[in-house]
């Protein structure tokens, strides 16, 4: 009988988890295994790190837990860029795209492999588990790594407030979806307490949201139109 090993403390690992994500970036689908291909951590955390690595490489990536063994296996597939349904190739502008399957297409003109982004921001969910100190630290770290962050209140649930906005990741515009826990005493969310209350943050390259979000319009809004500015 195999002995179960203790999960690794995420805060003790480097930002990329010590994984060379580029070795899986050739466009093929790979199934990664916990402890073999990435550290002994929740695959949901590995998904977030993989997505960040793709952004830094100037690529797109699609990640998903394995349905049969979600706590151990992770599927990833890199591509050259994201493309909105019905939009031209973001690399060359061609509209001649060959559908490979439901989520991927290839540009006939420049041969770029593209991930089809058909869903709106509100359909994305963070599946890393319940929100605890480590999850909050990771979410806050995502915001702190960005520049010129602007957020506005977009809605709420019984336990949280939802904010949308934009920021700059190394000079590149990104769209932000953030969720903050409500204060039990009804205190307003501010830049001073937001990192104590942040629960989830999702970041998307602005070009992947073409047709859904006009980044130019957002960046031209006055500061007075935003609720939170970092």
C-alpha atoms as a PDB file:
ATOM      1  CA  UNK A   1       0.000   0.000   0.000  1.00  0.00           C
ATOM      2  CA  UNK A   2       1.444   3.372  -1.059  1.00  0.00           C
ATOM      3  CA  UNK A   3       2.035   5.976   1.612  1.00  0.00           C
ATOM      4  CA  UNK A   4       0.237   9.297   1.169  1.00  0.00           C
ATOM      5  CA  UNK A   5       2.616  12.251   1.206  1.00  0.00           C
ATOM      6  CA  UNK A   6       1.792  15.626   2.696  1.00  0.00           C
ATOM      7  CA  UNK A   7       0.835  18.437   0.311  1.00  0.00           C
ATOM      8  CA  UNK A   8       3.469  21.102  -0.293  1.00  0.00           C
ATOM      9  CA  UNK A   9       2.992  24.562   1.221  1.00  0.00           C
ATOM     10  CA  UNK A  10       2.378  26.837  -1.772  1.00  0.00           C
ATOM     11  CA  UNK A  11       4.060  29.839  -0.141  1.00  0.00           C
ATOM     12  CA  UNK A  12       7.312  27.863  -0.032  1.00  0.00           C
ATOM     13  CA  UNK A  13       7.362  27.421  -3.813  1.00  0.00           C
ATOM     14  CA  UNK A  14       8.589  29.879  -6.486  1.00  0.00           C
ATOM     15  CA  UNK A  15       6.025  31.813  -8.524  1.00  0.00           C
ATOM     16  CA  UNK A  16       6.146  29.278 -11.391  1.00  0.00           C
ATOM     17  CA  UNK A  17       6.068  26.364  -8.889  1.00  0.00           C
ATOM     18  CA  UNK A  18       9.498  25.367 -10.202  1.00  0.00           C
ATOM     19  CA  UNK A  19       7.876  24.040 -13.396  1.00  0.00           C
ATOM     20  CA  UNK A  20       9.115  24.712 -16.934  1.00  0.00           C
ATOM     21  CA  UNK A  21       5.696  25.250 -18.524  1.00  0.00           C
ATOM     22  CA  UNK A  22       7.225  26.010 -21.934  1.00  0.00           C
ATOM     23  CA  UNK A  23       8.010  22.328 -22.541  1.00  0.00           C
ATOM     24  CA  UNK A  24       4.274  21.723 -23.008  1.00  0.00           C
ATOM     25  CA  UNK A  25       3.624  24.813 -25.157  1.00  0.00           C
ATOM     26  CA  UNK A  26       3.858  23.249 -28.644  1.00  0.00           C
ATOM     27  CA  UNK A  27       0.078  23.200 -29.171  1.00  0.00           C
ATOM     28  CA  UNK A  28      -0.575  19.573 -28.234  1.00  0.00           C
ATOM     29  CA  UNK A  29      -2.775  18.511 -25.326  1.00  0.00           C
ATOM     30  CA  UNK A  30      -0.947  17.155 -22.278  1.00  0.00           C
ATOM     31  CA  UNK A  31      -2.194  15.429 -19.152  1.00  0.00           C
ATOM     32  CA  UNK A  32      -0.126  16.487 -16.152  1.00  0.00           C
ATOM     33  CA  UNK A  33       0.067  14.480 -12.975  1.00  0.00           C
ATOM     34  CA  UNK A  34       0.358  15.821  -9.462  1.00  0.00           C
ATOM     35  CA  UNK A  35       3.779  15.140  -7.881  1.00  0.00           C
ATOM     36  CA  UNK A  36       5.164  13.990 -11.247  1.00  0.00           C
ATOM     37  CA  UNK A  37       4.743  17.083 -13.441  1.00  0.00           C
ATOM     38  CA  UNK A  38       3.946  19.714 -10.823  1.00  0.00           C
ATOM     39  CA  UNK A  39       4.356  19.831  -7.016  1.00  0.00           C
ATOM     40  CA  UNK A  40       2.064  18.094  -4.574  1.00  0.00           C
ATOM     41  CA  UNK A  41      -0.532  20.885  -4.562  1.00  0.00           C
ATOM     42  CA  UNK A  42      -4.154  21.275  -5.602  1.00  0.00           C
ATOM     43  CA  UNK A  43      -4.368  21.137  -9.433  1.00  0.00           C
ATOM     44  CA  UNK A  44      -6.521  24.267  -9.281  1.00  0.00           C
ATOM     45  CA  UNK A  45      -3.485  26.244  -8.114  1.00  0.00           C
ATOM     46  CA  UNK A  46      -1.384  24.716 -10.895  1.00  0.00           C
ATOM     47  CA  UNK A  47      -4.025  25.871 -13.387  1.00  0.00           C
ATOM     48  CA  UNK A  48      -3.673  29.475 -12.231  1.00  0.00           C
ATOM     49  CA  UNK A  49       0.119  29.337 -12.453  1.00  0.00           C
ATOM     50  CA  UNK A  50      -0.032  27.741 -15.916  1.00  0.00           C
ATOM     51  CA  UNK A  51      -2.338  30.522 -17.137  1.00  0.00           C
ATOM     52  CA  UNK A  52       0.039  33.161 -15.781  1.00  0.00           C
ATOM     53  CA  UNK A  53       2.983  31.415 -17.454  1.00  0.00           C
ATOM     54  CA  UNK A  54       1.132  31.415 -20.773  1.00  0.00           C
ATOM     55  CA  UNK A  55       0.489  35.147 -20.453  1.00  0.00           C
ATOM     56  CA  UNK A  56       4.185  35.802 -19.812  1.00  0.00           C
ATOM     57  CA  UNK A  57       5.091  33.711 -22.878  1.00  0.00           C
ATOM     58  CA  UNK A  58       2.648  35.689 -25.020  1.00  0.00           C
ATOM     59  CA  UNK A  59       0.518  32.606 -25.565  1.00  0.00           C
ATOM     60  CA  UNK A  60      -2.973  31.377 -24.745  1.00  0.00           C
ATOM     61  CA  UNK A  61      -3.767  28.227 -22.803  1.00  0.00           C
ATOM     62  CA  UNK A  62      -6.778  26.106 -21.956  1.00  0.00           C
ATOM     63  CA  UNK A  63      -6.684  24.148 -18.704  1.00  0.00           C
ATOM     64  CA  UNK A  64      -9.088  21.691 -17.125  1.00  0.00           C
ATOM     65  CA  UNK A  65      -9.102  19.197 -14.307  1.00  0.00           C
ATOM     66  CA  UNK A  66      -9.386  15.578 -15.344  1.00  0.00           C
ATOM     67  CA  UNK A  67     -13.017  14.566 -14.779  1.00  0.00           C
ATOM     68  CA  UNK A  68     -12.173  11.108 -13.472  1.00  0.00           C
ATOM     69  CA  UNK A  69      -9.313  12.096 -11.152  1.00  0.00           C
ATOM     70  CA  UNK A  70      -9.771  15.874 -10.547  1.00  0.00           C
ATOM     71  CA  UNK A  71      -7.536  15.978  -7.476  1.00  0.00           C
ATOM     72  CA  UNK A  72      -4.501  14.514  -9.236  1.00  0.00           C
ATOM     73  CA  UNK A  73      -4.658  15.149 -12.993  1.00  0.00           C
ATOM     74  CA  UNK A  74      -4.689  18.343 -15.051  1.00  0.00           C
ATOM     75  CA  UNK A  75      -5.119  18.797 -18.800  1.00  0.00           C
ATOM     76  CA  UNK A  76      -3.419  21.730 -20.530  1.00  0.00           C
ATOM     77  CA  UNK A  77      -3.144  22.848 -24.149  1.00  0.00           C
ATOM     78  CA  UNK A  78      -1.333  25.972 -25.308  1.00  0.00           C
ATOM     79  CA  UNK A  79      -2.109  28.020 -28.403  1.00  0.00           C
ATOM     80  CA  UNK A  80      -0.777  31.156 -30.079  1.00  0.00           C
ATOM     81  CA  UNK A  81      -3.621  33.458 -29.011  1.00  0.00           C
ATOM     82  CA  UNK A  82      -7.285  33.746 -28.028  1.00  0.00           C
ATOM     83  CA  UNK A  83      -9.956  34.664 -30.556  1.00  0.00           C
ATOM     84  CA  UNK A  84     -13.555  35.661 -29.962  1.00  0.00           C
ATOM     85  CA  UNK A  85     -16.248  33.688 -31.782  1.00  0.00           C
ATOM     86  CA  UNK A  86     -16.772  35.288 -35.199  1.00  0.00           C
ATOM     87  CA  UNK A  87     -13.700  37.546 -34.962  1.00  0.00           C
ATOM     88  CA  UNK A  88     -10.690  37.474 -37.343  1.00  0.00           C
ATOM     89  CA  UNK A  89      -7.302  36.002 -36.483  1.00  0.00           C
ATOM     90  CA  UNK A  90      -5.618  38.325 -33.950  1.00  0.00           C
ATOM     91  CA  UNK A  91      -2.227  37.527 -35.489  1.00  0.00           C
ATOM     92  CA  UNK A  92      -2.824  38.401 -39.155  1.00  0.00           C
ATOM     93  CA  UNK A  93      -6.424  39.586 -39.455  1.00  0.00           C
ATOM     94  CA  UNK A  94      -7.559  36.759 -41.712  1.00  0.00           C
ATOM     95  CA  UNK A  95     -11.111  35.482 -41.379  1.00  0.00           C
ATOM     96  CA  UNK A  96     -10.241  32.103 -42.867  1.00  0.00           C
ATOM     97  CA  UNK A  97     -10.204  30.014 -39.707  1.00  0.00           C
ATOM     98  CA  UNK A  98     -10.376  26.221 -39.762  1.00  0.00           C
ATOM     99  CA  UNK A  99     -12.240  24.790 -36.769  1.00  0.00           C
ATOM    100  CA  UNK A 100     -10.187  22.001 -35.186  1.00  0.00           C
ATOM    101  CA  UNK A 101     -12.813  21.186 -32.546  1.00  0.00           C
ATOM    102  CA  UNK A 102     -15.141  22.990 -30.150  1.00  0.00           C
ATOM    103  CA  UNK A 103     -12.475  25.071 -28.429  1.00  0.00           C
ATOM    104  CA  UNK A 104      -9.650  25.415 -30.951  1.00  0.00           C
ATOM    105  CA  UNK A 105      -9.276  26.802 -34.455  1.00  0.00           C
ATOM    106  CA  UNK A 106      -6.376  27.364 -36.832  1.00  0.00           C
ATOM    107  CA  UNK A 107      -5.741  30.326 -39.118  1.00  0.00           C
ATOM    108  CA  UNK A 108      -5.399  29.166 -42.724  1.00  0.00           C
ATOM    109  CA  UNK A 109      -3.278  32.196 -43.640  1.00  0.00           C
ATOM    110  CA  UNK A 110      -0.655  32.384 -40.851  1.00  0.00           C
ATOM    111  CA  UNK A 111      -1.149  28.888 -39.348  1.00  0.00           C
ATOM    112  CA  UNK A 112      -1.673  30.270 -35.831  1.00  0.00           C
ATOM    113  CA  UNK A 113      -3.470  27.916 -33.456  1.00  0.00           C
ATOM    114  CA  UNK A 114      -6.159  29.824 -31.560  1.00  0.00           C
ATOM    115  CA  UNK A 115      -8.348  29.183 -28.534  1.00  0.00           C
ATOM    116  CA  UNK A 116     -11.954  30.209 -29.100  1.00  0.00           C
ATOM    117  CA  UNK A 117     -13.196  32.432 -26.292  1.00  0.00           C
ATOM    118  CA  UNK A 118     -16.979  32.367 -26.511  1.00  0.00           C
ATOM    119  CA  UNK A 119     -17.999  32.914 -22.896  1.00  0.00           C
ATOM    120  CA  UNK A 120     -18.539  36.136 -21.038  1.00  0.00           C
ATOM    121  CA  UNK A 121     -16.626  37.186 -17.946  1.00  0.00           C
ATOM    122  CA  UNK A 122     -19.343  36.165 -15.528  1.00  0.00           C
ATOM    123  CA  UNK A 123     -19.256  32.535 -16.682  1.00  0.00           C
ATOM    124  CA  UNK A 124     -15.691  31.995 -15.493  1.00  0.00           C
ATOM    125  CA  UNK A 125     -15.237  30.437 -12.079  1.00  0.00           C
ATOM    126  CA  UNK A 126     -12.211  29.874  -9.902  1.00  0.00           C
ATOM    127  CA  UNK A 127     -12.193  26.240  -8.798  1.00  0.00           C
ATOM    128  CA  UNK A 128      -9.269  26.287  -6.387  1.00  0.00           C
ATOM    129  CA  UNK A 129     -11.533  25.483  -3.459  1.00  0.00           C
ATOM    130  CA  UNK A 130     -12.793  27.324  -0.417  1.00  0.00           C
ATOM    131  CA  UNK A 131     -11.301  30.727   0.287  1.00  0.00           C
ATOM    132  CA  UNK A 132      -8.657  30.662   3.000  1.00  0.00           C
ATOM    133  CA  UNK A 133      -5.547  32.696   3.848  1.00  0.00           C
ATOM    134  CA  UNK A 134      -3.459  31.112   1.082  1.00  0.00           C
ATOM    135  CA  UNK A 135      -6.140  31.565  -1.566  1.00  0.00           C
ATOM    136  CA  UNK A 136      -6.599  35.176  -0.464  1.00  0.00           C
ATOM    137  CA  UNK A 137      -2.851  35.774  -0.640  1.00  0.00           C
ATOM    138  CA  UNK A 138      -2.703  34.345  -4.183  1.00  0.00           C
ATOM    139  CA  UNK A 139      -5.667  36.445  -5.306  1.00  0.00           C
ATOM    140  CA  UNK A 140      -4.197  39.594  -3.770  1.00  0.00           C
ATOM    141  CA  UNK A 141      -0.850  38.809  -5.347  1.00  0.00           C
ATOM    142  CA  UNK A 142      -2.465  38.812  -8.779  1.00  0.00           C
ATOM    143  CA  UNK A 143      -3.767  42.343  -8.256  1.00  0.00           C
ATOM    144  CA  UNK A 144      -0.508  43.597  -6.744  1.00  0.00           C
ATOM    145  CA  UNK A 145       1.412  42.313  -9.780  1.00  0.00           C
ATOM    146  CA  UNK A 146      -0.610  44.595 -12.074  1.00  0.00           C
ATOM    147  CA  UNK A 147      -0.253  48.311 -12.724  1.00  0.00           C
ATOM    148  CA  UNK A 148      -2.887  51.020 -13.214  1.00  0.00           C
ATOM    149  CA  UNK A 149      -5.671  48.834 -11.798  1.00  0.00           C
ATOM    150  CA  UNK A 150      -9.183  50.266 -12.071  1.00  0.00           C
ATOM    151  CA  UNK A 151     -12.213  48.402 -10.639  1.00  0.00           C
ATOM    152  CA  UNK A 152     -15.911  49.169 -10.419  1.00  0.00           C
ATOM    153  CA  UNK A 153     -18.614  47.400  -8.451  1.00  0.00           C
ATOM    154  CA  UNK A 154     -20.599  45.172 -10.820  1.00  0.00           C
ATOM    155  CA  UNK A 155     -22.854  43.156  -8.509  1.00  0.00           C
ATOM    156  CA  UNK A 156     -23.073  41.070  -5.370  1.00  0.00           C
ATOM    157  CA  UNK A 157     -24.005  37.713  -3.919  1.00  0.00           C
ATOM    158  CA  UNK A 158     -25.199  37.001  -0.364  1.00  0.00           C
ATOM    159  CA  UNK A 159     -21.590  36.800   0.839  1.00  0.00           C
ATOM    160  CA  UNK A 160     -19.502  38.763  -1.637  1.00  0.00           C
ATOM    161  CA  UNK A 161     -19.158  41.846  -3.818  1.00  0.00           C
ATOM    162  CA  UNK A 162     -18.136  41.500  -7.472  1.00  0.00           C
ATOM    163  CA  UNK A 163     -15.941  44.021  -9.268  1.00  0.00           C
ATOM    164  CA  UNK A 164     -14.908  44.280 -12.924  1.00  0.00           C
ATOM    165  CA  UNK A 165     -12.220  46.447 -14.455  1.00  0.00           C
ATOM    166  CA  UNK A 166      -8.841  46.517 -16.109  1.00  0.00           C
ATOM    167  CA  UNK A 167      -5.133  46.831 -15.425  1.00  0.00           C
ATOM    168  CA  UNK A 168      -1.750  46.533 -17.104  1.00  0.00           C
ATOM    169  CA  UNK A 169       0.420  43.412 -16.960  1.00  0.00           C
ATOM    170  CA  UNK A 170       3.916  44.451 -18.041  1.00  0.00           C
ATOM    171  CA  UNK A 171       2.342  47.159 -20.185  1.00  0.00           C
ATOM    172  CA  UNK A 172      -0.285  44.881 -21.743  1.00  0.00           C
ATOM    173  CA  UNK A 173      -3.984  45.634 -21.006  1.00  0.00           C
ATOM    174  CA  UNK A 174      -5.862  42.913 -19.141  1.00  0.00           C
ATOM    175  CA  UNK A 175      -9.472  42.526 -18.024  1.00  0.00           C
ATOM    176  CA  UNK A 176     -10.046  41.812 -14.322  1.00  0.00           C
ATOM    177  CA  UNK A 177     -12.901  40.019 -12.569  1.00  0.00           C
ATOM    178  CA  UNK A 178     -12.538  40.187  -8.776  1.00  0.00           C
ATOM    179  CA  UNK A 179     -14.638  38.996  -5.855  1.00  0.00           C
ATOM    180  CA  UNK A 180     -14.415  40.366  -2.320  1.00  0.00           C
ATOM    181  CA  UNK A 181     -16.015  39.030   0.840  1.00  0.00           C
ATOM    182  CA  UNK A 182     -18.588  41.296   2.448  1.00  0.00           C
ATOM    183  CA  UNK A 183     -17.729  42.775   5.827  1.00  0.00           C
ATOM    184  CA  UNK A 184     -20.014  41.436   8.562  1.00  0.00           C
ATOM    185  CA  UNK A 185     -20.211  44.942  10.059  1.00  0.00           C
ATOM    186  CA  UNK A 186     -21.135  46.519   6.740  1.00  0.00           C
ATOM    187  CA  UNK A 187     -17.874  48.433   6.305  1.00  0.00           C
ATOM    188  CA  UNK A 188     -17.266  49.744   2.787  1.00  0.00           C
ATOM    189  CA  UNK A 189     -14.649  48.103   0.590  1.00  0.00           C
ATOM    190  CA  UNK A 190     -11.647  50.400   0.097  1.00  0.00           C
ATOM    191  CA  UNK A 191      -8.093  50.171  -1.224  1.00  0.00           C
ATOM    192  CA  UNK A 192      -6.953  49.905   2.401  1.00  0.00           C
ATOM    193  CA  UNK A 193      -8.963  46.802   3.277  1.00  0.00           C
ATOM    194  CA  UNK A 194      -9.448  45.146  -0.125  1.00  0.00           C
ATOM    195  CA  UNK A 195      -6.529  42.743   0.251  1.00  0.00           C
ATOM    196  CA  UNK A 196      -7.956  41.505   3.541  1.00  0.00           C
ATOM    197  CA  UNK A 197     -11.254  40.719   1.830  1.00  0.00           C
ATOM    198  CA  UNK A 198     -10.265  39.584  -1.677  1.00  0.00           C
ATOM    199  CA  UNK A 199     -11.351  36.000  -2.357  1.00  0.00           C
ATOM    200  CA  UNK A 200     -11.012  35.401  -6.097  1.00  0.00           C
ATOM    201  CA  UNK A 201      -9.356  37.155  -9.016  1.00  0.00           C
ATOM    202  CA  UNK A 202      -9.432  36.154 -12.676  1.00  0.00           C
ATOM    203  CA  UNK A 203      -7.326  37.976 -15.265  1.00  0.00           C
ATOM    204  CA  UNK A 204      -7.805  37.774 -19.035  1.00  0.00           C
ATOM    205  CA  UNK A 205      -5.722  39.332 -21.836  1.00  0.00           C
ATOM    206  CA  UNK A 206      -7.806  42.186 -23.230  1.00  0.00           C
ATOM    207  CA  UNK A 207      -7.510  40.895 -26.802  1.00  0.00           C
ATOM    208  CA  UNK A 208      -9.210  37.651 -25.764  1.00  0.00           C
ATOM    209  CA  UNK A 209     -12.305  39.687 -24.901  1.00  0.00           C
ATOM    210  CA  UNK A 210     -12.529  41.571 -28.209  1.00  0.00           C
ATOM    211  CA  UNK A 211     -16.179  42.063 -29.071  1.00  0.00           C
ATOM    212  CA  UNK A 212     -17.210  41.677 -25.430  1.00  0.00           C
ATOM    213  CA  UNK A 213     -15.228  44.445 -23.747  1.00  0.00           C
ATOM    214  CA  UNK A 214     -13.931  47.624 -25.385  1.00  0.00           C
ATOM    215  CA  UNK A 215     -10.635  48.147 -23.563  1.00  0.00           C
ATOM    216  CA  UNK A 216     -10.112  51.535 -25.202  1.00  0.00           C
ATOM    217  CA  UNK A 217     -13.365  52.837 -23.764  1.00  0.00           C
ATOM    218  CA  UNK A 218     -12.443  51.557 -20.300  1.00  0.00           C
ATOM    219  CA  UNK A 219      -9.012  53.163 -20.362  1.00  0.00           C
ATOM    220  CA  UNK A 220     -10.472  56.508 -21.425  1.00  0.00           C
ATOM    221  CA  UNK A 221     -12.877  56.701 -18.473  1.00  0.00           C
ATOM    222  CA  UNK A 222     -12.167  59.319 -15.809  1.00  0.00           C
ATOM    223  CA  UNK A 223     -10.803  58.135 -12.470  1.00  0.00           C
ATOM    224  CA  UNK A 224     -13.985  59.379 -10.800  1.00  0.00           C
ATOM    225  CA  UNK A 225     -15.920  56.638 -12.624  1.00  0.00           C
ATOM    226  CA  UNK A 226     -14.052  53.876 -10.758  1.00  0.00           C
ATOM    227  CA  UNK A 227     -14.674  52.592  -7.232  1.00  0.00           C
ATOM    228  CA  UNK A 228     -11.168  51.231  -6.580  1.00  0.00           C
ATOM    229  CA  UNK A 229      -7.893  52.517  -8.033  1.00  0.00           C
ATOM    230  CA  UNK A 230      -4.491  50.938  -7.358  1.00  0.00           C
END
